[in-house]
Amino acid sequence: MAGQEECEVNQMTEMGLCLNFFYLIMYLSMHYAEPFVKLNCVESVTGIFNEDTVLPCSMEGAGMKILTLTKLNEDGSNGKIVFKSNSSASDSGVQGRIKLRHQDPPDVSLIIQKIQASDNGKYQYLVETDHGYDYKIINLIFRAPYTGPHISKKEENGRTFLVCTTVGYPLAQLYWKTDKETNLNYSVDITRLGVLYNITSCIPVVYDWCSVNYICSVCIENGCISKELDCLKVEAISEQPLDDNRTRVGVLLCLGFLMLLCTAAFYCRKQFSKAYTRKQSASALVYFVDGEEN
């Protein structure tokens, strides 16, 4: 009886050892199957219009075999592959506006040249080696910093207006205020210059407008850029275009008048030539008839 119990204990011990060995094999297999490469990338990058933008990434592990950059759809699904490079010597690492910053790991950063609005969005960054792979998602935010704002003056129907203009992306807000008042009556017009927004605001002013401290501000997200009215500069800016316009109109009118004179002279000369030809023909005919009668 004791021998049987001892045998059962030995069998259970052996079974436990087998299970432990099985778990060890599973553990090692699972860890062996994990990628032998680690990719480190920033989560978000801001790209400035028409400037080069770096997507910073580095890798840890075996040498890179293939690097793929995919532009994701808005819902997060895979979209279009915009860059794919391998480790072959014939690969230049340049495709369109995208290129590798360095040819050798651990730096596997990509550069997108002359950023455009169409580059805005999320990208999947994938590196593959002979022993594994890893990927990261990078969000590229397109920006075009707003200019100015620029203040000028215009005259229309006997009234004076101040005009504030700025250009940038994404859509911003344009405001007028003074050092004493913020609730001003002004209009805002928004047009597109390609992918950029051209925002213009117009505010009527009275005869003593130069004594008021007008301020135009362009605001986007939590930041604003402001410009105060400079009476002397705004006069110089507004008057010169008017003079140039009048000069151009005067030149065009003179050219038009000269063209009319030339056209009239040509027409008169042509008519005179026809009349002279007819007269000569009639004289010759009369002379011929008279000759026949004689």
C-alpha atoms as a PDB file:
ATOM      1  CA  MET A   1       0.000   0.000   0.000  1.00  0.00           C
ATOM      2  CA  ALA A   2       2.812   2.371   0.908  1.00  0.00           C
ATOM      3  CA  GLY A   3       4.622   1.459  -2.303  1.00  0.00           C
ATOM      4  CA  GLN A   4       1.546   2.336  -4.366  1.00  0.00           C
ATOM      5  CA  GLU A   5       1.184   5.709  -2.676  1.00  0.00           C
ATOM      6  CA  GLU A   6       4.873   6.426  -3.246  1.00  0.00           C
ATOM      7  CA  CYS A   7       4.461   5.547  -6.933  1.00  0.00           C
ATOM      8  CA  GLU A   8       1.508   7.893  -7.255  1.00  0.00           C
ATOM      9  CA  VAL A   9       3.495  10.704  -5.602  1.00  0.00           C
ATOM     10  CA  ASN A  10       6.384  10.132  -8.010  1.00  0.00           C
ATOM     11  CA  GLN A  11       3.990  10.228 -10.981  1.00  0.00           C
ATOM     12  CA  MET A  12       2.474  13.503  -9.789  1.00  0.00           C
ATOM     13  CA  THR A  13       5.947  14.976  -9.281  1.00  0.00           C
ATOM     14  CA  GLU A  14       6.977  13.953 -12.776  1.00  0.00           C
ATOM     15  CA  MET A  15       3.763  15.409 -14.191  1.00  0.00           C
ATOM     16  CA  GLY A  16       4.431  18.681 -12.372  1.00  0.00           C
ATOM     17  CA  LEU A  17       7.926  18.807 -13.772  1.00  0.00           C
ATOM     18  CA  CYS A  18       6.576  18.174 -17.263  1.00  0.00           C
ATOM     19  CA  LEU A  19       4.045  20.959 -16.890  1.00  0.00           C
ATOM     20  CA  ASN A  20       6.686  23.354 -15.632  1.00  0.00           C
ATOM     21  CA  PHE A  21       8.930  22.440 -18.539  1.00  0.00           C
ATOM     22  CA  PHE A  22       5.995  22.942 -20.940  1.00  0.00           C
ATOM     23  CA  TYR A  23       5.280  26.392 -19.493  1.00  0.00           C
ATOM     24  CA  LEU A  24       8.952  27.273 -19.809  1.00  0.00           C
ATOM     25  CA  ILE A  25       8.982  26.269 -23.466  1.00  0.00           C
ATOM     26  CA  MET A  26       5.823  28.302 -24.120  1.00  0.00           C
ATOM     27  CA  TYR A  27       7.286  31.325 -22.355  1.00  0.00           C
ATOM     28  CA  LEU A  28      10.510  31.135 -24.326  1.00  0.00           C
ATOM     29  CA  SER A  29       8.606  30.619 -27.573  1.00  0.00           C
ATOM     30  CA  MET A  30       6.407  33.619 -26.985  1.00  0.00           C
ATOM     31  CA  HIS A  31       9.367  35.847 -26.198  1.00  0.00           C
ATOM     32  CA  TYR A  32      11.353  34.450 -29.097  1.00  0.00           C
ATOM     33  CA  ALA A  33       8.470  35.341 -31.432  1.00  0.00           C
ATOM     34  CA  GLU A  34       8.414  38.957 -30.302  1.00  0.00           C
ATOM     35  CA  PRO A  35      10.021  41.486 -32.687  1.00  0.00           C
ATOM     36  CA  PHE A  36      13.756  41.973 -32.352  1.00  0.00           C
ATOM     37  CA  VAL A  37      13.400  45.640 -33.381  1.00  0.00           C
ATOM     38  CA  LYS A  38      12.002  48.663 -31.551  1.00  0.00           C
ATOM     39  CA  LEU A  39      10.939  51.836 -33.319  1.00  0.00           C
ATOM     40  CA  ASN A  40      10.876  55.182 -31.510  1.00  0.00           C
ATOM     41  CA  CYS A  41       9.044  58.120 -33.128  1.00  0.00           C
ATOM     42  CA  VAL A  42       7.503  61.393 -32.012  1.00  0.00           C
ATOM     43  CA  GLU A  43       3.715  61.323 -31.864  1.00  0.00           C
ATOM     44  CA  SER A  44       3.053  64.695 -33.546  1.00  0.00           C
ATOM     45  CA  VAL A  45       4.936  67.014 -35.918  1.00  0.00           C
ATOM     46  CA  THR A  46       3.997  70.481 -37.192  1.00  0.00           C
ATOM     47  CA  GLY A  47       4.851  71.172 -40.826  1.00  0.00           C
ATOM     48  CA  ILE A  48       5.200  74.761 -42.060  1.00  0.00           C
ATOM     49  CA  PHE A  49       3.959  75.618 -45.564  1.00  0.00           C
ATOM     50  CA  ASN A  50       6.688  75.330 -48.240  1.00  0.00           C
ATOM     51  CA  GLU A  51       9.333  74.326 -45.674  1.00  0.00           C
ATOM     52  CA  ASP A  52      11.006  70.932 -45.141  1.00  0.00           C
ATOM     53  CA  THR A  53       9.641  68.899 -42.218  1.00  0.00           C
ATOM     54  CA  VAL A  54      11.388  66.026 -40.425  1.00  0.00           C
ATOM     55  CA  LEU A  55       9.527  62.970 -39.144  1.00  0.00           C
ATOM     56  CA  PRO A  56      11.978  62.008 -36.346  1.00  0.00           C
ATOM     57  CA  CYS A  57      12.348  58.250 -35.813  1.00  0.00           C
ATOM     58  CA  SER A  58      15.068  55.912 -34.577  1.00  0.00           C
ATOM     59  CA  MET A  59      15.243  52.151 -34.240  1.00  0.00           C
ATOM     60  CA  GLU A  60      16.831  49.671 -31.846  1.00  0.00           C
ATOM     61  CA  GLY A  61      17.830  46.225 -32.955  1.00  0.00           C
ATOM     62  CA  ALA A  62      18.987  44.512 -36.128  1.00  0.00           C
ATOM     63  CA  GLY A  63      19.622  46.415 -39.338  1.00  0.00           C
ATOM     64  CA  MET A  64      16.650  47.773 -41.232  1.00  0.00           C
ATOM     65  CA  LYS A  65      15.548  45.847 -44.297  1.00  0.00           C
ATOM     66  CA  ILE A  66      12.434  47.747 -45.410  1.00  0.00           C
ATOM     67  CA  LEU A  67      10.955  51.098 -44.321  1.00  0.00           C
ATOM     68  CA  THR A  68       7.402  51.969 -45.360  1.00  0.00           C
ATOM     69  CA  LEU A  69       5.474  55.217 -44.779  1.00  0.00           C
ATOM     70  CA  THR A  70       1.724  54.997 -45.347  1.00  0.00           C
ATOM     71  CA  LYS A  71      -0.706  57.943 -45.353  1.00  0.00           C
ATOM     72  CA  LEU A  72      -3.706  56.773 -43.323  1.00  0.00           C
ATOM     73  CA  ASN A  73      -7.311  57.540 -44.205  1.00  0.00           C
ATOM     74  CA  GLU A  74      -9.352  59.823 -41.968  1.00  0.00           C
ATOM     75  CA  ASP A  75     -10.960  56.796 -40.280  1.00  0.00           C
ATOM     76  CA  GLY A  76      -7.528  55.419 -39.408  1.00  0.00           C
ATOM     77  CA  SER A  77      -7.493  52.643 -42.003  1.00  0.00           C
ATOM     78  CA  ASN A  78      -4.531  52.058 -44.302  1.00  0.00           C
ATOM     79  CA  GLY A  79      -4.480  54.441 -47.239  1.00  0.00           C
ATOM     80  CA  LYS A  80      -1.732  55.148 -49.759  1.00  0.00           C
ATOM     81  CA  ILE A  81       1.924  54.155 -49.437  1.00  0.00           C
ATOM     82  CA  VAL A  82       3.840  57.398 -49.998  1.00  0.00           C
ATOM     83  CA  PHE A  83       7.368  56.075 -49.372  1.00  0.00           C
ATOM     84  CA  LYS A  84       9.029  52.653 -49.409  1.00  0.00           C
ATOM     85  CA  SER A  85      12.758  52.022 -49.119  1.00  0.00           C
ATOM     86  CA  ASN A  86      14.897  48.910 -48.785  1.00  0.00           C
ATOM     87  CA  SER A  87      18.474  48.323 -47.740  1.00  0.00           C
ATOM     88  CA  SER A  88      19.767  47.619 -51.244  1.00  0.00           C
ATOM     89  CA  ALA A  89      22.675  49.686 -52.511  1.00  0.00           C
ATOM     90  CA  SER A  90      20.657  50.821 -55.537  1.00  0.00           C
ATOM     91  CA  ASP A  91      17.991  52.508 -53.361  1.00  0.00           C
ATOM     92  CA  SER A  92      18.686  56.251 -53.256  1.00  0.00           C
ATOM     93  CA  GLY A  93      16.343  56.813 -50.324  1.00  0.00           C
ATOM     94  CA  VAL A  94      14.499  59.547 -52.240  1.00  0.00           C
ATOM     95  CA  GLN A  95      10.958  59.244 -53.588  1.00  0.00           C
ATOM     96  CA  GLY A  96       9.156  62.365 -54.787  1.00  0.00           C
ATOM     97  CA  ARG A  97       9.285  64.966 -52.012  1.00  0.00           C
ATOM     98  CA  ILE A  98      10.191  62.377 -49.336  1.00  0.00           C
ATOM     99  CA  LYS A  99      13.714  61.241 -48.518  1.00  0.00           C
ATOM    100  CA  LEU A 100      15.678  59.516 -45.767  1.00  0.00           C
ATOM    101  CA  ARG A 101      17.618  61.944 -43.585  1.00  0.00           C
ATOM    102  CA  HIS A 102      20.420  59.342 -43.208  1.00  0.00           C
ATOM    103  CA  GLN A 103      21.003  56.110 -45.081  1.00  0.00           C
ATOM    104  CA  ASP A 104      22.019  54.091 -42.011  1.00  0.00           C
ATOM    105  CA  PRO A 105      20.150  53.201 -38.792  1.00  0.00           C
ATOM    106  CA  PRO A 106      19.641  53.844 -35.930  1.00  0.00           C
ATOM    107  CA  ASP A 107      18.383  57.152 -37.432  1.00  0.00           C
ATOM    108  CA  VAL A 108      15.541  56.264 -39.801  1.00  0.00           C
ATOM    109  CA  SER A 109      13.986  59.747 -39.907  1.00  0.00           C
ATOM    110  CA  LEU A 110      12.234  60.889 -43.070  1.00  0.00           C
ATOM    111  CA  ILE A 111      12.113  64.408 -44.517  1.00  0.00           C
ATOM    112  CA  ILE A 112       9.047  65.690 -46.396  1.00  0.00           C
ATOM    113  CA  GLN A 113      10.206  68.578 -48.575  1.00  0.00           C
ATOM    114  CA  LYS A 114       8.180  71.758 -49.146  1.00  0.00           C
ATOM    115  CA  ILE A 115       5.180  70.792 -47.020  1.00  0.00           C
ATOM    116  CA  GLN A 116       1.757  71.298 -48.631  1.00  0.00           C
ATOM    117  CA  ALA A 117      -1.774  71.256 -47.199  1.00  0.00           C
ATOM    118  CA  SER A 118      -2.336  67.815 -48.755  1.00  0.00           C
ATOM    119  CA  ASP A 119       0.393  66.398 -46.468  1.00  0.00           C
ATOM    120  CA  ASN A 120      -1.732  67.063 -43.379  1.00  0.00           C
ATOM    121  CA  GLY A 121      -2.869  63.876 -41.613  1.00  0.00           C
ATOM    122  CA  LYS A 122      -1.707  60.694 -39.871  1.00  0.00           C
ATOM    123  CA  TYR A 123       1.045  58.377 -41.104  1.00  0.00           C
ATOM    124  CA  GLN A 124       2.016  54.803 -40.261  1.00  0.00           C
ATOM    125  CA  TYR A 125       5.775  54.417 -39.923  1.00  0.00           C
ATOM    126  CA  LEU A 126       6.834  50.752 -40.379  1.00  0.00           C
ATOM    127  CA  VAL A 127      10.324  49.207 -40.229  1.00  0.00           C
ATOM    128  CA  GLU A 128      11.028  45.562 -41.039  1.00  0.00           C
ATOM    129  CA  THR A 129      14.135  43.452 -40.425  1.00  0.00           C
ATOM    130  CA  ASP A 130      15.023  39.808 -40.952  1.00  0.00           C
ATOM    131  CA  HIS A 131      14.003  39.097 -37.356  1.00  0.00           C
ATOM    132  CA  GLY A 132      10.924  41.240 -36.757  1.00  0.00           C
ATOM    133  CA  TYR A 133       9.160  44.533 -37.286  1.00  0.00           C
ATOM    134  CA  ASP A 134       7.701  47.515 -35.436  1.00  0.00           C
ATOM    135  CA  TYR A 135       5.527  50.482 -36.343  1.00  0.00           C
ATOM    136  CA  LYS A 136       4.391  53.834 -34.966  1.00  0.00           C
ATOM    137  CA  ILE A 137       1.730  56.432 -35.871  1.00  0.00           C
ATOM    138  CA  ILE A 138       2.799  60.044 -36.492  1.00  0.00           C
ATOM    139  CA  ASN A 139       0.343  62.944 -36.784  1.00  0.00           C
ATOM    140  CA  LEU A 140       1.509  65.655 -39.216  1.00  0.00           C
ATOM    141  CA  ILE A 141      -0.185  69.034 -38.687  1.00  0.00           C
ATOM    142  CA  PHE A 142      -0.004  71.503 -41.591  1.00  0.00           C
ATOM    143  CA  ARG A 143       0.354  75.205 -40.744  1.00  0.00           C
ATOM    144  CA  ALA A 144       0.943  78.432 -42.678  1.00  0.00           C
ATOM    145  CA  PRO A 145       1.651  81.247 -40.182  1.00  0.00           C
ATOM    146  CA  TYR A 146      -0.440  84.330 -40.860  1.00  0.00           C
ATOM    147  CA  THR A 147       1.232  87.406 -42.319  1.00  0.00           C
ATOM    148  CA  GLY A 148       0.984  90.922 -40.971  1.00  0.00           C
ATOM    149  CA  PRO A 149      -1.665  91.936 -40.438  1.00  0.00           C
ATOM    150  CA  HIS A 150      -1.296  94.778 -42.956  1.00  0.00           C
ATOM    151  CA  ILE A 151      -3.320  98.003 -42.579  1.00  0.00           C
ATOM    152  CA  SER A 152      -4.046 100.364 -45.496  1.00  0.00           C
ATOM    153  CA  LYS A 153      -6.573 103.093 -46.322  1.00  0.00           C
ATOM    154  CA  LYS A 154      -9.058 103.454 -49.160  1.00  0.00           C
ATOM    155  CA  GLU A 155     -11.553 106.087 -50.321  1.00  0.00           C
ATOM    156  CA  GLU A 156     -14.931 104.952 -51.622  1.00  0.00           C
ATOM    157  CA  ASN A 157     -18.011 107.072 -52.400  1.00  0.00           C
ATOM    158  CA  GLY A 158     -16.624 109.972 -50.406  1.00  0.00           C
ATOM    159  CA  ARG A 159     -16.036 107.823 -47.323  1.00  0.00           C
ATOM    160  CA  THR A 160     -12.778 106.703 -45.706  1.00  0.00           C
ATOM    161  CA  PHE A 161     -12.121 103.075 -44.758  1.00  0.00           C
ATOM    162  CA  LEU A 162      -9.290 101.243 -43.053  1.00  0.00           C
ATOM    163  CA  VAL A 163      -8.511  97.838 -44.551  1.00  0.00           C
ATOM    164  CA  CYS A 164      -6.736  95.030 -42.671  1.00  0.00           C
ATOM    165  CA  THR A 165      -5.403  92.036 -44.647  1.00  0.00           C
ATOM    166  CA  THR A 166      -3.682  88.788 -43.660  1.00  0.00           C
ATOM    167  CA  VAL A 167      -2.929  85.429 -45.316  1.00  0.00           C
ATOM    168  CA  GLY A 168      -2.370  81.994 -43.715  1.00  0.00           C
ATOM    169  CA  TYR A 169      -3.772  78.575 -42.754  1.00  0.00           C
ATOM    170  CA  PRO A 170      -5.893  77.211 -41.074  1.00  0.00           C
ATOM    171  CA  LEU A 171      -8.828  79.607 -40.922  1.00  0.00           C
ATOM    172  CA  ALA A 172      -8.358  82.418 -38.381  1.00  0.00           C
ATOM    173  CA  GLN A 173     -10.417  85.318 -37.014  1.00  0.00           C
ATOM    174  CA  LEU A 174      -9.791  88.999 -37.771  1.00  0.00           C
ATOM    175  CA  TYR A 175     -10.787  91.678 -35.243  1.00  0.00           C
ATOM    176  CA  TRP A 176     -10.760  95.474 -34.979  1.00  0.00           C
ATOM    177  CA  LYS A 177     -10.554  97.337 -31.700  1.00  0.00           C
ATOM    178  CA  THR A 178      -9.347 100.607 -30.212  1.00  0.00           C
ATOM    179  CA  ASP A 179      -7.780 101.359 -26.860  1.00  0.00           C
ATOM    180  CA  LYS A 180     -11.261 102.426 -25.655  1.00  0.00           C
ATOM    181  CA  GLU A 181     -13.688 100.239 -27.633  1.00  0.00           C
ATOM    182  CA  THR A 182     -13.896  96.606 -28.760  1.00  0.00           C
ATOM    183  CA  ASN A 183     -17.445  96.411 -30.149  1.00  0.00           C
ATOM    184  CA  LEU A 184     -16.721  97.997 -33.547  1.00  0.00           C
ATOM    185  CA  ASN A 185     -18.753  97.739 -36.747  1.00  0.00           C
ATOM    186  CA  TYR A 186     -16.624  96.102 -39.458  1.00  0.00           C
ATOM    187  CA  SER A 187     -16.965  93.627 -42.334  1.00  0.00           C
ATOM    188  CA  VAL A 188     -14.886  90.498 -43.020  1.00  0.00           C
ATOM    189  CA  ASP A 189     -14.270  88.899 -46.420  1.00  0.00           C
ATOM    190  CA  ILE A 190     -12.588  85.495 -46.820  1.00  0.00           C
ATOM    191  CA  THR A 191     -11.173  84.208 -50.126  1.00  0.00           C
ATOM    192  CA  ARG A 192      -8.747  81.432 -51.037  1.00  0.00           C
ATOM    193  CA  LEU A 193      -5.255  81.861 -52.468  1.00  0.00           C
ATOM    194  CA  GLY A 194      -4.647  78.260 -53.427  1.00  0.00           C
ATOM    195  CA  VAL A 195      -4.771  76.400 -50.106  1.00  0.00           C
ATOM    196  CA  LEU A 196      -4.278  79.552 -48.015  1.00  0.00           C
ATOM    197  CA  TYR A 197      -6.960  81.824 -46.581  1.00  0.00           C
ATOM    198  CA  ASN A 198      -6.873  85.502 -47.552  1.00  0.00           C
ATOM    199  CA  ILE A 199      -8.820  87.384 -44.870  1.00  0.00           C
ATOM    200  CA  THR A 200      -9.722  91.055 -45.342  1.00  0.00           C
ATOM    201  CA  SER A 201     -11.598  93.285 -42.903  1.00  0.00           C
ATOM    202  CA  CYS A 202     -12.877  96.784 -43.640  1.00  0.00           C
ATOM    203  CA  ILE A 203     -13.905  99.393 -41.060  1.00  0.00           C
ATOM    204  CA  PRO A 204     -15.360 102.878 -41.744  1.00  0.00           C
ATOM    205  CA  VAL A 205     -13.598 105.808 -40.057  1.00  0.00           C
ATOM    206  CA  VAL A 206     -14.490 109.485 -39.513  1.00  0.00           C
ATOM    207  CA  TYR A 207     -12.571 112.649 -40.343  1.00  0.00           C
ATOM    208  CA  ASP A 208     -10.536 112.549 -37.136  1.00  0.00           C
ATOM    209  CA  TRP A 209      -9.700 108.838 -37.532  1.00  0.00           C
ATOM    210  CA  CYS A 210      -5.975 109.546 -37.217  1.00  0.00           C
ATOM    211  CA  SER A 211      -6.496 110.558 -33.581  1.00  0.00           C
ATOM    212  CA  VAL A 212      -7.934 107.112 -32.731  1.00  0.00           C
ATOM    213  CA  ASN A 213      -5.647 104.187 -31.900  1.00  0.00           C
ATOM    214  CA  TYR A 214      -7.064 101.507 -34.227  1.00  0.00           C
ATOM    215  CA  ILE A 215      -5.714  97.966 -33.759  1.00  0.00           C
ATOM    216  CA  CYS A 216      -6.222  95.005 -36.112  1.00  0.00           C
ATOM    217  CA  SER A 217      -5.648  91.484 -34.715  1.00  0.00           C
ATOM    218  CA  VAL A 218      -5.573  88.068 -36.388  1.00  0.00           C
ATOM    219  CA  CYS A 219      -6.301  85.270 -33.901  1.00  0.00           C
ATOM    220  CA  ILE A 220      -5.993  81.513 -34.269  1.00  0.00           C
ATOM    221  CA  GLU A 221      -6.419  78.951 -31.478  1.00  0.00           C
ATOM    222  CA  ASN A 222      -5.071  80.702 -28.364  1.00  0.00           C
ATOM    223  CA  GLY A 223      -2.708  83.185 -30.020  1.00  0.00           C
ATOM    224  CA  CYS A 224      -3.138  86.596 -31.670  1.00  0.00           C
ATOM    225  CA  ILE A 225      -0.942  88.846 -33.813  1.00  0.00           C
ATOM    226  CA  SER A 226      -1.829  92.555 -33.646  1.00  0.00           C
ATOM    227  CA  LYS A 227      -0.914  95.630 -35.642  1.00  0.00           C
ATOM    228  CA  GLU A 228      -1.554  99.244 -34.577  1.00  0.00           C
ATOM    229  CA  LEU A 229      -2.459 101.943 -37.071  1.00  0.00           C
ATOM    230  CA  ASP A 230       0.481 104.129 -38.081  1.00  0.00           C
ATOM    231  CA  CYS A 231      -1.089 107.262 -39.519  1.00  0.00           C
ATOM    232  CA  LEU A 232       1.950 108.369 -41.503  1.00  0.00           C
ATOM    233  CA  LYS A 233       2.643 104.959 -43.029  1.00  0.00           C
ATOM    234  CA  VAL A 234      -0.959 104.190 -43.867  1.00  0.00           C
ATOM    235  CA  GLU A 235      -1.220 107.498 -45.781  1.00  0.00           C
ATOM    236  CA  ALA A 236       1.914 106.681 -47.791  1.00  0.00           C
ATOM    237  CA  ILE A 237       0.667 103.179 -48.522  1.00  0.00           C
ATOM    238  CA  SER A 238      -2.780 104.299 -49.627  1.00  0.00           C
ATOM    239  CA  GLU A 239      -1.836 107.298 -51.783  1.00  0.00           C
ATOM    240  CA  GLN A 240       0.809 105.674 -53.975  1.00  0.00           C
ATOM    241  CA  PRO A 241      -1.438 102.961 -55.417  1.00  0.00           C
ATOM    242  CA  LEU A 242      -4.050 105.609 -56.274  1.00  0.00           C
ATOM    243  CA  ASP A 243      -1.472 107.672 -58.208  1.00  0.00           C
ATOM    244  CA  ASP A 244      -0.208 104.583 -59.969  1.00  0.00           C
ATOM    245  CA  ASN A 245      -3.744 103.590 -60.916  1.00  0.00           C
ATOM    246  CA  ARG A 246      -4.465 107.057 -62.340  1.00  0.00           C
ATOM    247  CA  THR A 247      -1.223 106.969 -64.314  1.00  0.00           C
ATOM    248  CA  ARG A 248      -2.019 103.567 -65.733  1.00  0.00           C
ATOM    249  CA  VAL A 249      -5.541 104.655 -66.676  1.00  0.00           C
ATOM    250  CA  GLY A 250      -4.190 107.795 -68.385  1.00  0.00           C
ATOM    251  CA  VAL A 251      -1.645 105.804 -70.383  1.00  0.00           C
ATOM    252  CA  LEU A 252      -4.293 103.295 -71.447  1.00  0.00           C
ATOM    253  CA  LEU A 253      -6.649 106.094 -72.547  1.00  0.00           C
ATOM    254  CA  CYS A 254      -3.880 107.769 -74.595  1.00  0.00           C
ATOM    255  CA  LEU A 255      -3.005 104.466 -76.249  1.00  0.00           C
ATOM    256  CA  GLY A 256      -6.676 103.842 -77.013  1.00  0.00           C
ATOM    257  CA  PHE A 257      -7.053 107.304 -78.535  1.00  0.00           C
ATOM    258  CA  LEU A 258      -3.957 106.810 -80.708  1.00  0.00           C
ATOM    259  CA  MET A 259      -5.280 103.455 -81.889  1.00  0.00           C
ATOM    260  CA  LEU A 260      -8.579 105.104 -82.866  1.00  0.00           C
ATOM    261  CA  LEU A 261      -6.717 107.823 -84.786  1.00  0.00           C
ATOM    262  CA  CYS A 262      -4.623 105.259 -86.633  1.00  0.00           C
ATOM    263  CA  THR A 263      -7.695 103.193 -87.459  1.00  0.00           C
ATOM    264  CA  ALA A 264      -9.569 106.277 -88.744  1.00  0.00           C
ATOM    265  CA  ALA A 265      -6.567 107.372 -90.823  1.00  0.00           C
ATOM    266  CA  PHE A 266      -6.204 103.926 -92.316  1.00  0.00           C
ATOM    267  CA  TYR A 267      -9.925 103.784 -93.134  1.00  0.00           C
ATOM    268  CA  CYS A 268      -9.918 107.252 -94.746  1.00  0.00           C
ATOM    269  CA  ARG A 269      -6.843 106.418 -96.788  1.00  0.00           C
ATOM    270  CA  LYS A 270      -8.433 103.209 -97.978  1.00  0.00           C
ATOM    271  CA  GLN A 271     -11.650 105.012 -98.962  1.00  0.00           C
ATOM    272  CA  PHE A 272      -9.703 107.764-100.725  1.00  0.00           C
ATOM    273  CA  SER A 273      -7.712 105.168-102.645  1.00  0.00           C
ATOM    274  CA  LYS A 274     -10.914 103.437-103.773  1.00  0.00           C
ATOM    275  CA  ALA A 275     -12.474 106.741-104.827  1.00  0.00           C
ATOM    276  CA  TYR A 276      -9.352 107.766-106.712  1.00  0.00           C
ATOM    277  CA  THR A 277      -9.245 104.398-108.503  1.00  0.00           C
ATOM    278  CA  ARG A 278     -12.899 104.718-109.532  1.00  0.00           C
ATOM    279  CA  LYS A 279     -12.300 108.272-110.800  1.00  0.00           C
ATOM    280  CA  GLN A 280      -9.308 107.192-112.853  1.00  0.00           C
ATOM    281  CA  SER A 281     -11.291 104.315-114.322  1.00  0.00           C
ATOM    282  CA  ALA A 282     -14.185 106.623-115.231  1.00  0.00           C
ATOM    283  CA  SER A 283     -11.820 109.137-116.906  1.00  0.00           C
ATOM    284  CA  ALA A 284     -10.174 106.403-118.921  1.00  0.00           C
ATOM    285  CA  LEU A 285     -13.553 105.115-120.056  1.00  0.00           C
ATOM    286  CA  VAL A 286     -14.696 108.597-121.185  1.00  0.00           C
ATOM    287  CA  TYR A 287     -11.478 109.123-123.050  1.00  0.00           C
ATOM    288  CA  PHE A 288     -11.875 105.773-124.767  1.00  0.00           C
ATOM    289  CA  VAL A 289     -15.485 106.506-125.810  1.00  0.00           C
ATOM    290  CA  ASP A 290     -14.558 109.956-127.118  1.00  0.00           C
ATOM    291  CA  GLY A 291     -11.755 108.417-129.117  1.00  0.00           C
ATOM    292  CA  GLU A 292     -14.129 105.915-130.708  1.00  0.00           C
ATOM    293  CA  GLU A 293     -16.596 108.668-131.700  1.00  0.00           C
ATOM    294  CA  ASN A 294     -13.884 110.752-133.329  1.00  0.00           C
END
